């Protein structure tokens, strides 16, 4: 999967203007990684790590937005810690 595809899924831009904005972000992102990389393998590692981080954050955000105990028939109220974390 390409960097633009990953950015499209994680940033709320749409339409032609949104696509241009995504391209600008992708260019800045690549330039930043390129200038800080010490070698081609380091560049590829940094790009991969950043994309993996974006995927992980996205999955965690989606998991945290799901209601907890939605299928539970328990009459016990959820503990305070899980309510605070869910918010």
Protein backbone atom coordinates (compact mmCIF):
# COMPACT_ATOMS: atom_id res chain seq x y z
CA UNK A 1 0.00 0.00 0.00
CA UNK A 2 1.36 3.44 -0.89
CA UNK A 3 1.95 6.39 1.39
CA UNK A 4 -0.79 8.41 -0.32
CA UNK A 5 -3.30 5.60 0.30
CA UNK A 6 -2.33 5.52 3.96
CA UNK A 7 -2.65 9.29 4.27
CA UNK A 8 -6.04 9.26 2.52
CA UNK A 9 -7.37 6.80 5.08
CA UNK A 10 -6.09 8.76 8.07
CA UNK A 11 -6.60 12.40 7.15
CA UNK A 12 -10.04 13.95 6.61
CA UNK A 13 -9.56 15.52 3.17
CA UNK A 14 -11.79 15.06 0.16
CA UNK A 15 -12.19 16.38 -3.35
CA UNK A 16 -9.52 17.83 -5.61
CA UNK A 17 -8.37 20.41 -3.05
CA UNK A 18 -8.10 17.68 -0.43
CA UNK A 19 -6.01 15.55 -2.76
CA UNK A 20 -3.63 18.48 -3.35
CA UNK A 21 -3.34 18.99 0.40
CA UNK A 22 -2.57 15.30 0.90
CA UNK A 23 0.15 15.50 -1.75
CA UNK A 24 1.72 18.49 0.04
CA UNK A 25 1.67 16.59 3.33
CA UNK A 26 3.20 13.52 1.66
CA UNK A 27 5.98 15.60 0.10
CA UNK A 28 6.83 17.31 3.41
CA UNK A 29 6.72 13.96 5.18
CA UNK A 30 9.08 12.33 2.67
CA UNK A 31 11.46 15.31 2.68
CA UNK A 32 11.65 15.22 6.47
CA UNK A 33 12.36 11.48 6.51
CA UNK A 34 14.83 11.76 3.60
CA UNK A 35 16.89 14.52 5.22
CA UNK A 36 17.07 12.70 8.56
CA UNK A 37 17.90 9.27 7.10
CA UNK A 38 21.51 8.14 7.15
CA UNK A 39 21.13 5.53 4.39
CA UNK A 40 18.54 4.00 2.08
CA UNK A 41 17.75 1.19 4.56
CA UNK A 42 17.36 3.82 7.32
CA UNK A 43 15.02 5.85 5.07
CA UNK A 44 12.88 2.79 4.33
CA UNK A 45 12.84 1.81 8.01
CA UNK A 46 11.71 5.28 9.08
CA UNK A 47 8.98 5.45 6.41
CA UNK A 48 7.72 1.98 7.35
CA UNK A 49 7.77 2.76 11.06
CA UNK A 50 5.81 6.00 10.58
CA UNK A 51 3.17 4.28 8.44
CA UNK A 52 2.88 1.44 10.96
CA UNK A 53 2.46 4.00 13.75
CA UNK A 54 -0.35 5.69 11.82
CA UNK A 55 -2.09 2.34 11.30
CA UNK A 56 -1.74 1.40 14.96
CA UNK A 57 -3.07 4.75 16.18
CA UNK A 58 -6.01 4.48 13.80
CA UNK A 59 -6.87 0.97 14.98
CA UNK A 60 -6.59 2.02 18.64
CA UNK A 61 -8.83 5.02 18.04
CA UNK A 62 -11.45 2.84 16.36
CA UNK A 63 -11.29 0.26 19.16
CA UNK A 64 -11.63 2.94 21.85
CA UNK A 65 -14.65 4.47 20.12
CA UNK A 66 -16.63 1.21 20.33
CA UNK A 67 -19.03 1.07 23.27
CA UNK A 68 -17.76 -1.15 26.06
CA UNK A 69 -19.93 -3.95 27.43
CA UNK A 70 -22.40 -3.48 24.56
CA UNK A 71 -23.15 -7.20 24.39
CA UNK A 72 -23.02 -7.80 28.11
CA UNK A 73 -26.15 -8.60 30.06
CA UNK A 74 -24.41 -7.95 33.37
CA UNK A 75 -26.27 -5.77 35.84
CA UNK A 76 -22.99 -4.53 37.32
CA UNK A 77 -22.04 -1.01 36.27
CA UNK A 78 -18.73 -0.64 34.41
CA UNK A 79 -15.82 0.31 36.60
CA UNK A 80 -14.81 3.96 36.69
CA UNK A 81 -11.43 3.39 35.03
CA UNK A 82 -12.94 1.90 31.88
CA UNK A 83 -15.46 4.76 31.65
CA UNK A 84 -12.67 7.35 31.90
CA UNK A 85 -10.53 5.55 29.31
CA UNK A 86 -13.45 5.29 26.88
CA UNK A 87 -14.00 9.05 26.98
